[in-house]
Amino acid sequence: MYLYMQHQSVSNLPPTLSANFVKWFDAVFLRDAVAKLCCVYVAGHGVRRDYKMALKYFTLASQSGHVLAFYNLAQMHATGTGVLRNCHTATEVFTRSHLLV
């Protein structure tokens, strides 16, 4: 991961390992970036607070398996932040996040 972040070559690794590593790192990096983007929209840091955009990105991050995105998505449904309050949906999302841990 250090080599990839420093934009150094990973060509000394075997081709299949290097290709798999890059795919894995890109997926993890994208998932975390999307989850952090959600927090920006919820808090309104540098952008106007927009719960609909936060909901969109929390859903996207949770579909890729980000546990905190699942938790925050469930919290939004439980409290009715940006969506109609729905405890049944919140419970389902909490359950799915618990299965990932």
PDB file of N, CA and C in Angstrom:
ATOM      1  N   MET A   1       0.827  -1.168   0.000  1.00  0.00           N
ATOM      2  CA  MET A   1       0.000   0.000   0.000  1.00  0.00           C
ATOM      3  C   MET A   1       0.881   1.244   0.000  1.00  0.00           C
ATOM      4  N   TYR A   2       1.971   1.240   0.730  1.00  0.00           N
ATOM      5  CA  TYR A   2       2.853   2.390   0.779  1.00  0.00           C
ATOM      6  C   TYR A   2       3.396   2.720  -0.600  1.00  0.00           C
ATOM      7  N   LEU A   3       3.790   1.695  -1.341  1.00  0.00           N
ATOM      8  CA  LEU A   3       4.329   1.929  -2.677  1.00  0.00           C
ATOM      9  C   LEU A   3       3.277   2.580  -3.567  1.00  0.00           C
ATOM     10  N   TYR A   4       2.056   2.111  -3.459  1.00  0.00           N
ATOM     11  CA  TYR A   4       0.993   2.638  -4.310  1.00  0.00           C
ATOM     12  C   TYR A   4       0.686   4.088  -3.945  1.00  0.00           C
ATOM     13  N   MET A   5       0.664   4.393  -2.648  1.00  0.00           N
ATOM     14  CA  MET A   5       0.349   5.758  -2.220  1.00  0.00           C
ATOM     15  C   MET A   5       1.459   6.732  -2.591  1.00  0.00           C
ATOM     16  N   GLN A   6       2.693   6.262  -2.656  1.00  0.00           N
ATOM     17  CA  GLN A   6       3.813   7.115  -3.015  1.00  0.00           C
ATOM     18  C   GLN A   6       3.989   7.209  -4.527  1.00  0.00           C
ATOM     19  N   HIS A   7       3.092   6.583  -5.283  1.00  0.00           N
ATOM     20  CA  HIS A   7       3.122   6.564  -6.744  1.00  0.00           C
ATOM     21  C   HIS A   7       4.425   5.959  -7.269  1.00  0.00           C
ATOM     22  N   GLN A   8       4.967   5.025  -6.509  1.00  0.00           N
ATOM     23  CA  GLN A   8       6.151   4.319  -6.960  1.00  0.00           C
ATOM     24  C   GLN A   8       5.690   3.071  -7.691  1.00  0.00           C
ATOM     25  N   SER A   9       6.573   2.507  -8.431  1.00  0.00           N
ATOM     26  CA  SER A   9       6.226   1.351  -9.233  1.00  0.00           C
ATOM     27  C   SER A   9       6.058   0.111  -8.359  1.00  0.00           C
ATOM     28  N   VAL A  10       5.039  -0.664  -8.667  1.00  0.00           N
ATOM     29  CA  VAL A  10       4.880  -1.963  -8.025  1.00  0.00           C
ATOM     30  C   VAL A  10       5.215  -3.050  -9.032  1.00  0.00           C
ATOM     31  N   SER A  11       5.996  -2.692 -10.025  1.00  0.00           N
ATOM     32  CA  SER A  11       6.298  -3.634 -11.101  1.00  0.00           C
ATOM     33  C   SER A  11       7.224  -4.750 -10.651  1.00  0.00           C
ATOM     34  N   ASN A  12       7.904  -4.603  -9.511  1.00  0.00           N
ATOM     35  CA  ASN A  12       8.756  -5.673  -9.040  1.00  0.00           C
ATOM     36  C   ASN A  12       7.944  -6.799  -8.402  1.00  0.00           C
ATOM     37  N   LEU A  13       6.643  -6.579  -8.197  1.00  0.00           N
ATOM     38  CA  LEU A  13       5.776  -7.637  -7.712  1.00  0.00           C
ATOM     39  C   LEU A  13       5.337  -8.493  -8.895  1.00  0.00           C
ATOM     40  N   PRO A  14       4.980  -9.746  -8.642  1.00  0.00           N
ATOM     41  CA  PRO A  14       4.441 -10.563  -9.735  1.00  0.00           C
ATOM     42  C   PRO A  14       3.204  -9.898 -10.335  1.00  0.00           C
ATOM     43  N   PRO A  15       2.991 -10.017 -11.645  1.00  0.00           N
ATOM     44  CA  PRO A  15       1.899  -9.292 -12.317  1.00  0.00           C
ATOM     45  C   PRO A  15       0.524  -9.545 -11.706  1.00  0.00           C
ATOM     46  N   THR A  16       0.211 -10.788 -11.359  1.00  0.00           N
ATOM     47  CA  THR A  16      -1.117 -11.056 -10.805  1.00  0.00           C
ATOM     48  C   THR A  16      -1.255 -10.446  -9.422  1.00  0.00           C
ATOM     49  N   LEU A  17      -0.186 -10.501  -8.629  1.00  0.00           N
ATOM     50  CA  LEU A  17      -0.234  -9.918  -7.296  1.00  0.00           C
ATOM     51  C   LEU A  17      -0.376  -8.401  -7.386  1.00  0.00           C
ATOM     52  N   SER A  18       0.387  -7.789  -8.268  1.00  0.00           N
ATOM     53  CA  SER A  18       0.328  -6.334  -8.392  1.00  0.00           C
ATOM     54  C   SER A  18      -1.037  -5.882  -8.906  1.00  0.00           C
ATOM     55  N   ALA A  19      -1.628  -6.567  -9.865  1.00  0.00           N
ATOM     56  CA  ALA A  19      -2.945  -6.207 -10.395  1.00  0.00           C
ATOM     57  C   ALA A  19      -4.021  -6.381  -9.320  1.00  0.00           C
ATOM     58  N   ASN A  20      -3.956  -7.491  -8.582  1.00  0.00           N
ATOM     59  CA  ASN A  20      -4.930  -7.725  -7.521  1.00  0.00           C
ATOM     60  C   ASN A  20      -4.793  -6.696  -6.406  1.00  0.00           C
ATOM     61  N   PHE A  21      -3.556  -6.352  -6.085  1.00  0.00           N
ATOM     62  CA  PHE A  21      -3.309  -5.355  -5.053  1.00  0.00           C
ATOM     63  C   PHE A  21      -3.888  -4.003  -5.447  1.00  0.00           C
ATOM     64  N   VAL A  22      -3.662  -3.592  -6.657  1.00  0.00           N
ATOM     65  CA  VAL A  22      -4.170  -2.296  -7.120  1.00  0.00           C
ATOM     66  C   VAL A  22      -5.695  -2.293  -7.107  1.00  0.00           C
ATOM     67  N   LYS A  23      -6.322  -3.371  -7.554  1.00  0.00           N
ATOM     68  CA  LYS A  23      -7.792  -3.456  -7.536  1.00  0.00           C
ATOM     69  C   LYS A  23      -8.318  -3.376  -6.107  1.00  0.00           C
ATOM     70  N   TRP A  24      -7.671  -4.138  -5.209  1.00  0.00           N
ATOM     71  CA  TRP A  24      -8.094  -4.144  -3.812  1.00  0.00           C
ATOM     72  C   TRP A  24      -7.936  -2.760  -3.198  1.00  0.00           C
ATOM     73  N   PHE A  25      -6.784  -2.142  -3.392  1.00  0.00           N
ATOM     74  CA  PHE A  25      -6.521  -0.837  -2.797  1.00  0.00           C
ATOM     75  C   PHE A  25      -7.485   0.213  -3.343  1.00  0.00           C
ATOM     76  N   ASP A  26      -7.733   0.193  -4.639  1.00  0.00           N
ATOM     77  CA  ASP A  26      -8.676   1.148  -5.228  1.00  0.00           C
ATOM     78  C   ASP A  26     -10.069   0.982  -4.631  1.00  0.00           C
ATOM     79  N   ALA A  27     -10.502  -0.257  -4.432  1.00  0.00           N
ATOM     80  CA  ALA A  27     -11.832  -0.508  -3.873  1.00  0.00           C
ATOM     81  C   ALA A  27     -11.920  -0.002  -2.438  1.00  0.00           C
ATOM     82  N   VAL A  28     -10.919  -0.290  -1.640  1.00  0.00           N
ATOM     83  CA  VAL A  28     -10.918   0.150  -0.242  1.00  0.00           C
ATOM     84  C   VAL A  28     -10.826   1.669  -0.166  1.00  0.00           C
ATOM     85  N   PHE A  29      -9.947   2.245  -0.962  1.00  0.00           N
ATOM     86  CA  PHE A  29      -9.772   3.697  -0.944  1.00  0.00           C
ATOM     87  C   PHE A  29     -11.053   4.401  -1.364  1.00  0.00           C
ATOM     88  N   LEU A  30     -11.696   3.918  -2.411  1.00  0.00           N
ATOM     89  CA  LEU A  30     -12.938   4.520  -2.883  1.00  0.00           C
ATOM     90  C   LEU A  30     -14.031   4.398  -1.827  1.00  0.00           C
ATOM     91  N   ARG A  31     -14.137   3.228  -1.220  1.00  0.00           N
ATOM     92  CA  ARG A  31     -15.163   3.003  -0.199  1.00  0.00           C
ATOM     93  C   ARG A  31     -14.976   3.966   0.974  1.00  0.00           C
ATOM     94  N   ASP A  32     -13.735   4.134   1.439  1.00  0.00           N
ATOM     95  CA  ASP A  32     -13.471   5.045   2.545  1.00  0.00           C
ATOM     96  C   ASP A  32     -13.683   6.499   2.144  1.00  0.00           C
ATOM     97  N   ALA A  33     -13.310   6.831   0.924  1.00  0.00           N
ATOM     98  CA  ALA A  33     -13.494   8.210   0.448  1.00  0.00           C
ATOM     99  C   ALA A  33     -14.970   8.560   0.373  1.00  0.00           C
ATOM    100  N   VAL A  34     -15.782   7.633  -0.102  1.00  0.00           N
ATOM    101  CA  VAL A  34     -17.225   7.878  -0.193  1.00  0.00           C
ATOM    102  C   VAL A  34     -17.808   8.025   1.209  1.00  0.00           C
ATOM    103  N   ALA A  35     -17.358   7.206   2.152  1.00  0.00           N
ATOM    104  CA  ALA A  35     -17.861   7.294   3.523  1.00  0.00           C
ATOM    105  C   ALA A  35     -17.486   8.633   4.153  1.00  0.00           C
ATOM    106  N   LYS A  36     -16.301   9.130   3.865  1.00  0.00           N
ATOM    107  CA  LYS A  36     -15.889  10.430   4.401  1.00  0.00           C
ATOM    108  C   LYS A  36     -16.663  11.569   3.736  1.00  0.00           C
ATOM    109  N   LEU A  37     -16.989  11.398   2.481  1.00  0.00           N
ATOM    110  CA  LEU A  37     -17.790  12.391   1.778  1.00  0.00           C
ATOM    111  C   LEU A  37     -19.171  12.514   2.416  1.00  0.00           C
ATOM    112  N   CYS A  38     -19.715  11.404   2.874  1.00  0.00           N
ATOM    113  CA  CYS A  38     -21.008  11.426   3.567  1.00  0.00           C
ATOM    114  C   CYS A  38     -20.946  12.314   4.788  1.00  0.00           C
ATOM    115  N   CYS A  39     -19.889  12.156   5.555  1.00  0.00           N
ATOM    116  CA  CYS A  39     -19.742  12.939   6.784  1.00  0.00           C
ATOM    117  C   CYS A  39     -19.632  14.426   6.480  1.00  0.00           C
ATOM    118  N   VAL A  40     -19.021  14.759   5.357  1.00  0.00           N
ATOM    119  CA  VAL A  40     -18.921  16.155   4.950  1.00  0.00           C
ATOM    120  C   VAL A  40     -20.318  16.725   4.702  1.00  0.00           C
ATOM    121  N   TYR A  41     -21.166  15.967   4.026  1.00  0.00           N
ATOM    122  CA  TYR A  41     -22.518  16.443   3.749  1.00  0.00           C
ATOM    123  C   TYR A  41     -23.374  16.495   5.012  1.00  0.00           C
ATOM    124  N   VAL A  42     -23.192  15.564   5.935  1.00  0.00           N
ATOM    125  CA  VAL A  42     -23.966  15.575   7.176  1.00  0.00           C
ATOM    126  C   VAL A  42     -23.583  16.778   8.030  1.00  0.00           C
ATOM    127  N   ALA A  43     -22.289  17.032   8.153  1.00  0.00           N
ATOM    128  CA  ALA A  43     -21.815  18.117   9.013  1.00  0.00           C
ATOM    129  C   ALA A  43     -21.853  19.473   8.320  1.00  0.00           C
ATOM    130  N   GLY A  44     -21.819  19.480   6.992  1.00  0.00           N
ATOM    131  CA  GLY A  44     -21.810  20.736   6.258  1.00  0.00           C
ATOM    132  C   GLY A  44     -20.444  21.396   6.234  1.00  0.00           C
ATOM    133  N   HIS A  45     -19.378  20.610   6.232  1.00  0.00           N
ATOM    134  CA  HIS A  45     -18.017  21.148   6.181  1.00  0.00           C
ATOM    135  C   HIS A  45     -17.650  21.512   4.747  1.00  0.00           C
ATOM    136  N   GLY A  46     -17.606  22.802   4.446  1.00  0.00           N
ATOM    137  CA  GLY A  46     -17.223  23.255   3.116  1.00  0.00           C
ATOM    138  C   GLY A  46     -18.324  23.170   2.080  1.00  0.00           C
ATOM    139  N   VAL A  47     -19.421  22.554   2.422  1.00  0.00           N
ATOM    140  CA  VAL A  47     -20.577  22.445   1.527  1.00  0.00           C
ATOM    141  C   VAL A  47     -21.833  22.741   2.356  1.00  0.00           C
ATOM    142  N   ARG A  48     -22.916  22.977   1.657  1.00  0.00           N
ATOM    143  CA  ARG A  48     -24.170  23.161   2.372  1.00  0.00           C
ATOM    144  C   ARG A  48     -24.621  21.808   2.922  1.00  0.00           C
ATOM    145  N   ARG A  49     -25.113  21.799   4.144  1.00  0.00           N
ATOM    146  CA  ARG A  49     -25.581  20.549   4.754  1.00  0.00           C
ATOM    147  C   ARG A  49     -26.688  19.964   3.884  1.00  0.00           C
ATOM    148  N   ASP A  50     -26.508  18.700   3.465  1.00  0.00           N
ATOM    149  CA  ASP A  50     -27.453  18.076   2.546  1.00  0.00           C
ATOM    150  C   ASP A  50     -27.622  16.609   2.934  1.00  0.00           C
ATOM    151  N   TYR A  51     -28.705  16.331   3.644  1.00  0.00           N
ATOM    152  CA  TYR A  51     -28.932  14.966   4.123  1.00  0.00           C
ATOM    153  C   TYR A  51     -29.280  14.001   3.002  1.00  0.00           C
ATOM    154  N   LYS A  52     -29.888  14.499   1.941  1.00  0.00           N
ATOM    155  CA  LYS A  52     -30.207  13.613   0.810  1.00  0.00           C
ATOM    156  C   LYS A  52     -28.935  13.118   0.132  1.00  0.00           C
ATOM    157  N   MET A  53     -27.952  14.004  -0.029  1.00  0.00           N
ATOM    158  CA  MET A  53     -26.669  13.577  -0.606  1.00  0.00           C
ATOM    159  C   MET A  53     -25.945  12.640   0.358  1.00  0.00           C
ATOM    160  N   ALA A  54     -26.014  12.926   1.643  1.00  0.00           N
ATOM    161  CA  ALA A  54     -25.391  12.053   2.636  1.00  0.00           C
ATOM    162  C   ALA A  54     -26.020  10.664   2.576  1.00  0.00           C
ATOM    163  N   LEU A  55     -27.333  10.622   2.478  1.00  0.00           N
ATOM    164  CA  LEU A  55     -28.033   9.337   2.381  1.00  0.00           C
ATOM    165  C   LEU A  55     -27.594   8.577   1.134  1.00  0.00           C
ATOM    166  N   LYS A  56     -27.481   9.291   0.029  1.00  0.00           N
ATOM    167  CA  LYS A  56     -27.050   8.671  -1.228  1.00  0.00           C
ATOM    168  C   LYS A  56     -25.663   8.045  -1.081  1.00  0.00           C
ATOM    169  N   TYR A  57     -24.721   8.802  -0.510  1.00  0.00           N
ATOM    170  CA  TYR A  57     -23.356   8.299  -0.399  1.00  0.00           C
ATOM    171  C   TYR A  57     -23.199   7.264   0.709  1.00  0.00           C
ATOM    172  N   PHE A  58     -23.969   7.379   1.808  1.00  0.00           N
ATOM    173  CA  PHE A  58     -23.942   6.320   2.827  1.00  0.00           C
ATOM    174  C   PHE A  58     -24.452   5.006   2.236  1.00  0.00           C
ATOM    175  N   THR A  59     -25.483   5.102   1.412  1.00  0.00           N
ATOM    176  CA  THR A  59     -26.005   3.898   0.757  1.00  0.00           C
ATOM    177  C   THR A  59     -24.960   3.297  -0.176  1.00  0.00           C
ATOM    178  N   LEU A  60     -24.296   4.136  -0.953  1.00  0.00           N
ATOM    179  CA  LEU A  60     -23.256   3.666  -1.867  1.00  0.00           C
ATOM    180  C   LEU A  60     -22.103   3.011  -1.105  1.00  0.00           C
ATOM    181  N   ALA A  61     -21.654   3.647  -0.030  1.00  0.00           N
ATOM    182  CA  ALA A  61     -20.542   3.094   0.755  1.00  0.00           C
ATOM    183  C   ALA A  61     -20.955   1.805   1.452  1.00  0.00           C
ATOM    184  N   SER A  62     -22.183   1.740   1.924  1.00  0.00           N
ATOM    185  CA  SER A  62     -22.624   0.521   2.604  1.00  0.00           C
ATOM    186  C   SER A  62     -22.768  -0.636   1.621  1.00  0.00           C
ATOM    187  N   GLN A  63     -23.115  -0.342   0.376  1.00  0.00           N
ATOM    188  CA  GLN A  63     -23.214  -1.409  -0.625  1.00  0.00           C
ATOM    189  C   GLN A  63     -21.848  -2.023  -0.921  1.00  0.00           C
ATOM    190  N   SER A  64     -20.790  -1.247  -0.680  1.00  0.00           N
ATOM    191  CA  SER A  64     -19.450  -1.793  -0.889  1.00  0.00           C
ATOM    192  C   SER A  64     -18.882  -2.398   0.388  1.00  0.00           C
ATOM    193  N   GLY A  65     -19.679  -2.419   1.471  1.00  0.00           N
ATOM    194  CA  GLY A  65     -19.266  -3.123   2.680  1.00  0.00           C
ATOM    195  C   GLY A  65     -18.634  -2.272   3.764  1.00  0.00           C
ATOM    196  N   HIS A  66     -18.795  -0.967   3.723  1.00  0.00           N
ATOM    197  CA  HIS A  66     -18.220  -0.095   4.751  1.00  0.00           C
ATOM    198  C   HIS A  66     -19.116  -0.145   5.989  1.00  0.00           C
ATOM    199  N   VAL A  67     -18.585  -0.654   7.109  1.00  0.00           N
ATOM    200  CA  VAL A  67     -19.383  -0.903   8.307  1.00  0.00           C
ATOM    201  C   VAL A  67     -19.908   0.400   8.912  1.00  0.00           C
ATOM    202  N   LEU A  68     -19.079   1.428   9.002  1.00  0.00           N
ATOM    203  CA  LEU A  68     -19.545   2.692   9.575  1.00  0.00           C
ATOM    204  C   LEU A  68     -20.610   3.351   8.708  1.00  0.00           C
ATOM    205  N   ALA A  69     -20.553   3.120   7.413  1.00  0.00           N
ATOM    206  CA  ALA A  69     -21.603   3.637   6.540  1.00  0.00           C
ATOM    207  C   ALA A  69     -22.932   2.954   6.852  1.00  0.00           C
ATOM    208  N   PHE A  70     -22.887   1.643   7.097  1.00  0.00           N
ATOM    209  CA  PHE A  70     -24.093   0.924   7.506  1.00  0.00           C
ATOM    210  C   PHE A  70     -24.647   1.522   8.799  1.00  0.00           C
ATOM    211  N   TYR A  71     -23.764   1.730   9.755  1.00  0.00           N
ATOM    212  CA  TYR A  71     -24.194   2.271  11.048  1.00  0.00           C
ATOM    213  C   TYR A  71     -24.837   3.649  10.884  1.00  0.00           C
ATOM    214  N   ASN A  72     -24.165   4.528  10.163  1.00  0.00           N
ATOM    215  CA  ASN A  72     -24.694   5.878   9.977  1.00  0.00           C
ATOM    216  C   ASN A  72     -25.985   5.886   9.169  1.00  0.00           C
ATOM    217  N   LEU A  73     -26.087   4.999   8.202  1.00  0.00           N
ATOM    218  CA  LEU A  73     -27.315   4.866   7.424  1.00  0.00           C
ATOM    219  C   LEU A  73     -28.463   4.418   8.332  1.00  0.00           C
ATOM    220  N   ALA A  74     -28.189   3.464   9.200  1.00  0.00           N
ATOM    221  CA  ALA A  74     -29.206   3.002  10.145  1.00  0.00           C
ATOM    222  C   ALA A  74     -29.608   4.116  11.103  1.00  0.00           C
ATOM    223  N   GLN A  75     -28.631   4.907  11.550  1.00  0.00           N
ATOM    224  CA  GLN A  75     -28.932   6.027  12.437  1.00  0.00           C
ATOM    225  C   GLN A  75     -29.834   7.052  11.744  1.00  0.00           C
ATOM    226  N   MET A  76     -29.578   7.296  10.473  1.00  0.00           N
ATOM    227  CA  MET A  76     -30.415   8.244   9.729  1.00  0.00           C
ATOM    228  C   MET A  76     -31.855   7.743   9.667  1.00  0.00           C
ATOM    229  N   HIS A  77     -32.030   6.445   9.443  1.00  0.00           N
ATOM    230  CA  HIS A  77     -33.387   5.880   9.391  1.00  0.00           C
ATOM    231  C   HIS A  77     -34.025   5.861  10.778  1.00  0.00           C
ATOM    232  N   ALA A  78     -33.244   5.585  11.807  1.00  0.00           N
ATOM    233  CA  ALA A  78     -33.781   5.508  13.170  1.00  0.00           C
ATOM    234  C   ALA A  78     -34.216   6.875  13.687  1.00  0.00           C
ATOM    235  N   THR A  79     -33.473   7.916  13.331  1.00  0.00           N
ATOM    236  CA  THR A  79     -33.787   9.249  13.842  1.00  0.00           C
ATOM    237  C   THR A  79     -34.609  10.084  12.874  1.00  0.00           C
ATOM    238  N   GLY A  80     -34.733   9.617  11.633  1.00  0.00           N
ATOM    239  CA  GLY A  80     -35.486  10.377  10.637  1.00  0.00           C
ATOM    240  C   GLY A  80     -34.707  11.555  10.085  1.00  0.00           C
ATOM    241  N   THR A  81     -33.404  11.426  10.022  1.00  0.00           N
ATOM    242  CA  THR A  81     -32.556  12.496   9.501  1.00  0.00           C
ATOM    243  C   THR A  81     -32.441  12.357   7.985  1.00  0.00           C
ATOM    244  N   GLY A  82     -33.103  13.224   7.254  1.00  0.00           N
ATOM    245  CA  GLY A  82     -33.041  13.192   5.796  1.00  0.00           C
ATOM    246  C   GLY A  82     -33.991  12.210   5.145  1.00  0.00           C
ATOM    247  N   VAL A  83     -34.630  11.371   5.944  1.00  0.00           N
ATOM    248  CA  VAL A  83     -35.604  10.389   5.439  1.00  0.00           C
ATOM    249  C   VAL A  83     -36.757  10.313   6.434  1.00  0.00           C
ATOM    250  N   LEU A  84     -37.827   9.683   6.026  1.00  0.00           N
ATOM    251  CA  LEU A  84     -38.903   9.439   6.977  1.00  0.00           C
ATOM    252  C   LEU A  84     -38.409   8.425   8.008  1.00  0.00           C
ATOM    253  N   ARG A  85     -38.730   8.670   9.252  1.00  0.00           N
ATOM    254  CA  ARG A  85     -38.279   7.776  10.316  1.00  0.00           C
ATOM    255  C   ARG A  85     -38.905   6.397  10.114  1.00  0.00           C
ATOM    256  N   ASN A  86     -38.061   5.372  10.100  1.00  0.00           N
ATOM    257  CA  ASN A  86     -38.527   4.015   9.894  1.00  0.00           C
ATOM    258  C   ASN A  86     -37.663   3.077  10.721  1.00  0.00           C
ATOM    259  N   CYS A  87     -38.180   2.668  11.864  1.00  0.00           N
ATOM    260  CA  CYS A  87     -37.413   1.809  12.775  1.00  0.00           C
ATOM    261  C   CYS A  87     -37.189   0.422  12.195  1.00  0.00           C
ATOM    262  N   HIS A  88     -38.115  -0.053  11.388  1.00  0.00           N
ATOM    263  CA  HIS A  88     -37.956  -1.371  10.768  1.00  0.00           C
ATOM    264  C   HIS A  88     -36.752  -1.366   9.820  1.00  0.00           C
ATOM    265  N   THR A  89     -36.651  -0.359   8.975  1.00  0.00           N
ATOM    266  CA  THR A  89     -35.515  -0.244   8.057  1.00  0.00           C
ATOM    267  C   THR A  89     -34.220  -0.067   8.835  1.00  0.00           C
ATOM    268  N   ALA A  90     -34.258   0.744   9.891  1.00  0.00           N
ATOM    269  CA  ALA A  90     -33.059   0.958  10.715  1.00  0.00           C
ATOM    270  C   ALA A  90     -32.585  -0.351  11.324  1.00  0.00           C
ATOM    271  N   THR A  91     -33.518  -1.165  11.812  1.00  0.00           N
ATOM    272  CA  THR A  91     -33.157  -2.451  12.398  1.00  0.00           C
ATOM    273  C   THR A  91     -32.539  -3.372  11.358  1.00  0.00           C
ATOM    274  N   GLU A  92     -33.095  -3.395  10.154  1.00  0.00           N
ATOM    275  CA  GLU A  92     -32.529  -4.226   9.081  1.00  0.00           C
ATOM    276  C   GLU A  92     -31.106  -3.802   8.736  1.00  0.00           C
ATOM    277  N   VAL A  93     -30.877  -2.497   8.657  1.00  0.00           N
ATOM    278  CA  VAL A  93     -29.550  -1.993   8.313  1.00  0.00           C
ATOM    279  C   VAL A  93     -28.566  -2.274   9.444  1.00  0.00           C
ATOM    280  N   PHE A  94     -28.993  -2.084  10.705  1.00  0.00           N
ATOM    281  CA  PHE A  94     -28.128  -2.426  11.841  1.00  0.00           C
ATOM    282  C   PHE A  94     -27.761  -3.901  11.811  1.00  0.00           C
ATOM    283  N   THR A  95     -28.710  -4.742  11.474  1.00  0.00           N
ATOM    284  CA  THR A  95     -28.460  -6.189  11.421  1.00  0.00           C
ATOM    285  C   THR A  95     -27.449  -6.513  10.332  1.00  0.00           C
ATOM    286  N   ARG A  96     -27.593  -5.895   9.159  1.00  0.00           N
ATOM    287  CA  ARG A  96     -26.634  -6.128   8.083  1.00  0.00           C
ATOM    288  C   ARG A  96     -25.238  -5.668   8.464  1.00  0.00           C
ATOM    289  N   SER A  97     -25.131  -4.553   9.178  1.00  0.00           N
ATOM    290  CA  SER A  97     -23.812  -4.071   9.595  1.00  0.00           C
ATOM    291  C   SER A  97     -23.198  -5.020  10.618  1.00  0.00           C
ATOM    292  N   HIS A  98     -24.036  -5.582  11.475  1.00  0.00           N
ATOM    293  CA  HIS A  98     -23.535  -6.527  12.476  1.00  0.00           C
ATOM    294  C   HIS A  98     -22.997  -7.793  11.820  1.00  0.00           C
ATOM    295  N   LEU A  99     -23.583  -8.206  10.733  1.00  0.00           N
ATOM    296  CA  LEU A  99     -23.120  -9.412  10.036  1.00  0.00           C
ATOM    297  C   LEU A  99     -21.762  -9.218   9.375  1.00  0.00           C
ATOM    298  N   LEU A 100     -21.374  -7.977   9.082  1.00  0.00           N
ATOM    299  CA  LEU A 100     -20.082  -7.707   8.460  1.00  0.00           C
ATOM    300  C   LEU A 100     -18.936  -7.751   9.451  1.00  0.00           C
ATOM    301  N   VAL A 101     -19.239  -7.506  10.708  1.00  0.00           N
ATOM    302  CA  VAL A 101     -18.168  -7.419  11.716  1.00  0.00           C
ATOM    303  C   VAL A 101     -17.716  -8.758  12.141  1.00  0.00           C
TER     304      VAL A 101
END
